[in-house]
C-alpha atoms as a PDB file:
ATOM      1  CA  MET A   1      62.798 -91.530 -44.607  1.00  0.00           C
ATOM      2  CA  HIS A   2      66.042 -89.592 -44.794  1.00  0.00           C
ATOM      3  CA  ILE A   3      66.889 -86.980 -42.163  1.00  0.00           C
ATOM      4  CA  SER A   4      69.640 -84.552 -43.042  1.00  0.00           C
ATOM      5  CA  ARG A   5      72.533 -84.085 -40.681  1.00  0.00           C
ATOM      6  CA  ARG A   6      71.653 -80.374 -40.371  1.00  0.00           C
ATOM      7  CA  ALA A   7      68.049 -81.184 -39.387  1.00  0.00           C
ATOM      8  CA  LEU A   8      69.214 -83.740 -36.840  1.00  0.00           C
ATOM      9  CA  ILE A   9      71.716 -81.359 -35.251  1.00  0.00           C
ATOM     10  CA  GLY A  10      69.181 -78.512 -35.232  1.00  0.00           C
ATOM     11  CA  SER A  11      66.461 -80.611 -33.618  1.00  0.00           C
ATOM     12  CA  THR A  12      68.904 -81.957 -31.039  1.00  0.00           C
ATOM     13  CA  GLY A  13      69.884 -78.403 -30.118  1.00  0.00           C
ATOM     14  CA  LEU A  14      66.239 -77.359 -29.857  1.00  0.00           C
ATOM     15  CA  LEU A  15      65.434 -80.325 -27.631  1.00  0.00           C
ATOM     16  CA  ALA A  16      68.433 -79.599 -25.440  1.00  0.00           C
ATOM     17  CA  ALA A  17      67.453 -75.936 -25.082  1.00  0.00           C
ATOM     18  CA  THR A  18      63.849 -76.907 -24.332  1.00  0.00           C
ATOM     19  CA  GLY A  19      65.020 -79.417 -21.763  1.00  0.00           C
ATOM     20  CA  ILE A  20      67.223 -76.855 -20.077  1.00  0.00           C
ATOM     21  CA  ALA A  21      64.408 -74.298 -20.039  1.00  0.00           C
ATOM     22  CA  GLY A  22      61.920 -76.832 -18.712  1.00  0.00           C
ATOM     23  CA  PHE A  23      64.275 -77.966 -15.978  1.00  0.00           C
ATOM     24  CA  ARG A  24      65.066 -74.410 -15.018  1.00  0.00           C
ATOM     25  CA  MET A  25      61.442 -73.326 -14.985  1.00  0.00           C
ATOM     26  CA  PHE A  26      60.497 -75.941 -12.431  1.00  0.00           C
ATOM     27  CA  GLY A  27      63.772 -76.101 -10.496  1.00  0.00           C
ATOM     28  CA  ASP A  28      65.109 -73.741  -7.890  1.00  0.00           C
ATOM     29  CA  THR A  29      66.537 -70.500  -9.258  1.00  0.00           C
ATOM     30  CA  THR A  30      69.949 -71.064  -7.716  1.00  0.00           C
ATOM     31  CA  GLU A  31      72.609 -73.666  -8.072  1.00  0.00           C
ATOM     32  CA  ALA A  32      72.906 -76.099  -5.156  1.00  0.00           C
ATOM     33  CA  LYS A  33      76.373 -74.807  -4.244  1.00  0.00           C
ATOM     34  CA  GLU A  34      75.179 -71.257  -3.627  1.00  0.00           C
ATOM     35  CA  THR A  35      74.146 -70.314  -0.125  1.00  0.00           C
ATOM     36  CA  PHE A  36      72.185 -67.301   1.041  1.00  0.00           C
ATOM     37  CA  GLU A  37      71.541 -65.653   4.415  1.00  0.00           C
ATOM     38  CA  LEU A  38      67.819 -66.379   4.203  1.00  0.00           C
ATOM     39  CA  THR A  39      66.896 -69.897   3.165  1.00  0.00           C
ATOM     40  CA  LEU A  40      63.315 -71.147   3.442  1.00  0.00           C
ATOM     41  CA  SER A  41      61.444 -74.224   2.240  1.00  0.00           C
ATOM     42  CA  ASP A  42      59.020 -73.910  -0.674  1.00  0.00           C
ATOM     43  CA  GLU A  43      56.154 -74.151   1.813  1.00  0.00           C
ATOM     44  CA  GLU A  44      57.573 -71.252   3.838  1.00  0.00           C
ATOM     45  CA  TRP A  45      58.114 -69.152   0.699  1.00  0.00           C
ATOM     46  CA  LYS A  46      54.537 -69.853  -0.429  1.00  0.00           C
ATOM     47  CA  LYS A  47      53.221 -68.541   2.915  1.00  0.00           C
ATOM     48  CA  ARG A  48      55.339 -65.399   2.612  1.00  0.00           C
ATOM     49  CA  LEU A  49      54.748 -64.594  -1.078  1.00  0.00           C
ATOM     50  CA  THR A  50      51.822 -64.171  -3.454  1.00  0.00           C
ATOM     51  CA  PRO A  51      51.568 -66.868  -6.157  1.00  0.00           C
ATOM     52  CA  GLN A  52      53.049 -64.479  -8.748  1.00  0.00           C
ATOM     53  CA  GLN A  53      55.897 -63.453  -6.438  1.00  0.00           C
ATOM     54  CA  PHE A  54      56.669 -67.118  -5.728  1.00  0.00           C
ATOM     55  CA  SER A  55      56.658 -67.932  -9.437  1.00  0.00           C
ATOM     56  CA  VAL A  56      59.070 -65.088 -10.242  1.00  0.00           C
ATOM     57  CA  LEU A  57      61.346 -65.115  -7.194  1.00  0.00           C
ATOM     58  CA  ARG A  58      61.576 -68.853  -6.561  1.00  0.00           C
ATOM     59  CA  ARG A  59      60.956 -70.331 -10.044  1.00  0.00           C
ATOM     60  CA  ALA A  60      62.543 -67.634 -12.251  1.00  0.00           C
ATOM     61  CA  ALA A  61      59.325 -66.887 -14.124  1.00  0.00           C
ATOM     62  CA  THR A  62      58.951 -63.610 -15.998  1.00  0.00           C
ATOM     63  CA  GLU A  63      55.936 -61.369 -15.585  1.00  0.00           C
ATOM     64  CA  ARG A  64      54.165 -60.002 -18.662  1.00  0.00           C
ATOM     65  CA  PRO A  65      55.725 -56.763 -19.925  1.00  0.00           C
ATOM     66  CA  TYR A  66      53.924 -53.553 -18.912  1.00  0.00           C
ATOM     67  CA  SER A  67      51.963 -55.431 -16.228  1.00  0.00           C
ATOM     68  CA  SER A  68      53.764 -54.115 -13.147  1.00  0.00           C
ATOM     69  CA  PRO A  69      52.540 -51.006 -11.317  1.00  0.00           C
ATOM     70  CA  LEU A  70      56.221 -50.343 -10.517  1.00  0.00           C
ATOM     71  CA  ASN A  71      56.749 -49.281 -14.146  1.00  0.00           C
ATOM     72  CA  LYS A  72      54.877 -46.090 -13.303  1.00  0.00           C
ATOM     73  CA  GLU A  73      56.443 -45.582  -9.862  1.00  0.00           C
ATOM     74  CA  HIS A  74      58.277 -42.240  -9.963  1.00  0.00           C
ATOM     75  CA  ARG A  75      58.390 -41.195  -6.314  1.00  0.00           C
ATOM     76  CA  LYS A  76      61.656 -40.961  -4.387  1.00  0.00           C
ATOM     77  CA  GLY A  77      62.357 -44.171  -2.553  1.00  0.00           C
ATOM     78  CA  LEU A  78      63.784 -47.657  -2.584  1.00  0.00           C
ATOM     79  CA  PHE A  79      62.854 -50.824  -4.418  1.00  0.00           C
ATOM     80  CA  LEU A  80      63.062 -53.809  -2.045  1.00  0.00           C
ATOM     81  CA  CYS A  81      63.171 -57.556  -2.598  1.00  0.00           C
ATOM     82  CA  ALA A  82      59.609 -58.852  -2.171  1.00  0.00           C
ATOM     83  CA  GLY A  83      61.021 -62.001  -0.590  1.00  0.00           C
ATOM     84  CA  CYS A  84      63.226 -60.605   2.168  1.00  0.00           C
ATOM     85  CA  ARG A  85      62.770 -56.798   2.053  1.00  0.00           C
ATOM     86  CA  LEU A  86      66.450 -56.122   1.258  1.00  0.00           C
ATOM     87  CA  PRO A  87      66.827 -52.709  -0.433  1.00  0.00           C
ATOM     88  CA  LEU A  88      67.928 -53.387  -4.027  1.00  0.00           C
ATOM     89  CA  PHE A  89      67.668 -50.197  -6.086  1.00  0.00           C
ATOM     90  CA  SER A  90      67.268 -46.479  -5.504  1.00  0.00           C
ATOM     91  CA  SER A  91      64.648 -44.550  -7.443  1.00  0.00           C
ATOM     92  CA  THR A  92      67.482 -42.253  -8.551  1.00  0.00           C
ATOM     93  CA  THR A  93      68.817 -45.029 -10.804  1.00  0.00           C
ATOM     94  CA  LYS A  94      65.436 -45.992 -12.317  1.00  0.00           C
ATOM     95  CA  TYR A  95      64.702 -45.107 -15.927  1.00  0.00           C
ATOM     96  CA  ASP A  96      62.195 -45.975 -18.659  1.00  0.00           C
ATOM     97  CA  SER A  97      63.947 -48.491 -20.905  1.00  0.00           C
ATOM     98  CA  GLY A  98      60.853 -48.971 -23.068  1.00  0.00           C
ATOM     99  CA  THR A  99      60.987 -52.737 -22.441  1.00  0.00           C
ATOM    100  CA  GLY A 100      57.926 -52.998 -20.197  1.00  0.00           C
ATOM    101  CA  TRP A 101      59.814 -53.910 -17.020  1.00  0.00           C
ATOM    102  CA  PRO A 102      61.193 -51.652 -14.283  1.00  0.00           C
ATOM    103  CA  SER A 103      64.777 -50.848 -15.277  1.00  0.00           C
ATOM    104  CA  PHE A 104      67.721 -49.441 -13.357  1.00  0.00           C
ATOM    105  CA  TRP A 105      71.262 -48.522 -14.320  1.00  0.00           C
ATOM    106  CA  LYS A 106      72.805 -49.553 -10.989  1.00  0.00           C
ATOM    107  CA  PRO A 107      71.842 -51.600  -7.902  1.00  0.00           C
ATOM    108  CA  LEU A 108      72.543 -50.489  -4.362  1.00  0.00           C
ATOM    109  CA  PRO A 109      75.915 -51.631  -2.947  1.00  0.00           C
ATOM    110  CA  ASN A 110      75.963 -55.301  -1.868  1.00  0.00           C
ATOM    111  CA  ALA A 111      72.327 -55.797  -2.915  1.00  0.00           C
ATOM    112  CA  VAL A 112      72.498 -58.316  -5.762  1.00  0.00           C
ATOM    113  CA  ARG A 113      74.459 -61.283  -7.064  1.00  0.00           C
ATOM    114  CA  THR A 114      74.690 -62.361 -10.661  1.00  0.00           C
ATOM    115  CA  THR A 115      74.937 -65.762 -12.264  1.00  0.00           C
ATOM    116  CA  THR A 116      74.667 -67.123 -15.790  1.00  0.00           C
ATOM    117  CA  ASP A 117      71.486 -68.786 -16.967  1.00  0.00           C
ATOM    118  CA  TYR A 118      70.831 -70.636 -20.218  1.00  0.00           C
ATOM    119  CA  VAL A 119      67.020 -70.746 -20.005  1.00  0.00           C
ATOM    120  CA  ILE A 120      66.444 -69.525 -23.551  1.00  0.00           C
ATOM    121  CA  GLY A 121      69.352 -71.444 -25.073  1.00  0.00           C
ATOM    122  CA  TYR A 122      72.108 -68.853 -24.792  1.00  0.00           C
ATOM    123  CA  PRO A 123      73.843 -67.303 -21.788  1.00  0.00           C
ATOM    124  CA  ARG A 124      72.305 -64.330 -20.002  1.00  0.00           C
ATOM    125  CA  THR A 125      73.334 -62.637 -16.766  1.00  0.00           C
ATOM    126  CA  GLU A 126      70.677 -63.381 -14.172  1.00  0.00           C
ATOM    127  CA  VAL A 127      70.264 -61.015 -11.218  1.00  0.00           C
ATOM    128  CA  LEU A 128      69.508 -62.504  -7.789  1.00  0.00           C
ATOM    129  CA  CYS A 129      68.842 -60.933  -4.391  1.00  0.00           C
ATOM    130  CA  ARG A 130      72.071 -61.402  -2.478  1.00  0.00           C
ATOM    131  CA  ARG A 131      70.231 -62.141   0.795  1.00  0.00           C
ATOM    132  CA  CYS A 132      67.581 -64.696  -0.255  1.00  0.00           C
ATOM    133  CA  GLY A 133      68.652 -65.710  -3.768  1.00  0.00           C
ATOM    134  CA  GLY A 134      65.346 -64.646  -5.291  1.00  0.00           C
ATOM    135  CA  HIS A 135      65.294 -64.233  -9.082  1.00  0.00           C
ATOM    136  CA  LEU A 136      64.884 -60.552  -9.897  1.00  0.00           C
ATOM    137  CA  GLY A 137      65.541 -60.407 -13.633  1.00  0.00           C
ATOM    138  CA  HIS A 138      68.543 -59.965 -15.922  1.00  0.00           C
ATOM    139  CA  VAL A 139      71.207 -57.352 -16.616  1.00  0.00           C
ATOM    140  CA  PHE A 140      72.184 -56.248 -20.114  1.00  0.00           C
ATOM    141  CA  ASP A 141      74.887 -54.007 -21.571  1.00  0.00           C
ATOM    142  CA  ASP A 142      72.530 -51.617 -23.368  1.00  0.00           C
ATOM    143  CA  GLY A 143      71.706 -49.198 -20.563  1.00  0.00           C
ATOM    144  CA  PRO A 144      72.374 -45.482 -20.118  1.00  0.00           C
ATOM    145  CA  LYS A 145      75.444 -43.742 -18.762  1.00  0.00           C
ATOM    146  CA  PRO A 146      77.177 -43.760 -16.404  1.00  0.00           C
ATOM    147  CA  THR A 147      77.209 -47.594 -16.160  1.00  0.00           C
ATOM    148  CA  GLY A 148      75.872 -48.657 -19.554  1.00  0.00           C
ATOM    149  CA  LYS A 149      73.879 -51.372 -17.736  1.00  0.00           C
ATOM    150  CA  ARG A 150      70.161 -52.155 -17.891  1.00  0.00           C
ATOM    151  CA  PHE A 151      69.008 -54.072 -14.834  1.00  0.00           C
ATOM    152  CA  CYS A 152      65.694 -55.291 -16.261  1.00  0.00           C
ATOM    153  CA  MET A 153      63.732 -56.412 -13.207  1.00  0.00           C
ATOM    154  CA  ASN A 154      60.406 -58.132 -12.645  1.00  0.00           C
ATOM    155  CA  GLY A 155      58.142 -55.758 -10.741  1.00  0.00           C
ATOM    156  CA  ALA A 156      56.583 -58.766  -8.975  1.00  0.00           C
ATOM    157  CA  ALA A 157      59.992 -59.471  -7.410  1.00  0.00           C
ATOM    158  CA  MET A 158      60.067 -56.061  -5.716  1.00  0.00           C
ATOM    159  CA  LEU A 159      58.193 -53.767  -3.371  1.00  0.00           C
ATOM    160  CA  PHE A 160      58.456 -49.973  -3.305  1.00  0.00           C
ATOM    161  CA  GLN A 161      59.164 -47.977  -0.143  1.00  0.00           C
ATOM    162  CA  SER A 162      58.784 -44.223  -0.424  1.00  0.00           C
ATOM    163  CA  THR A 163      61.380 -42.077   1.314  1.00  0.00           C
ATOM    164  CA  VAL A 164      59.193 -38.965   1.057  1.00  0.00           C
ATOM    165  CA  THR A 165      57.399 -38.164   4.303  1.00  0.00           C
END
């Protein structure tokens, strides 16, 4: 049986990408060198979070599009990290991106960190809570003015706190 060079290279790349994605899916969402104010064991996180929140925040899973109640949240308020309650986004920066995930054009000051992930085989900018390192989603350069950014967040990674009394 003869395998072409192109087929060999392509399959090697696919295996490498799959291996990276598999490792990332079951590994911690942050690199070992990063440190955060709030650091808990997996057991402590599991006590604090729902299974879906744990999967998203601590294992970088992605919720199904259009599944989050936060997509339809239009009240004035703040979107907080579900892991540590740090305010992340203001409702004034939320918009409907049509993607199925809560989207924002700007985070609150000193709320998030970004890093590069290669989960799907090419680099994306991952968004993490700056306090606990929880995976929130990704940021893209196809958002509205004034920033041109689309912070595409998992609703399961956040809680909403109304500022209307």
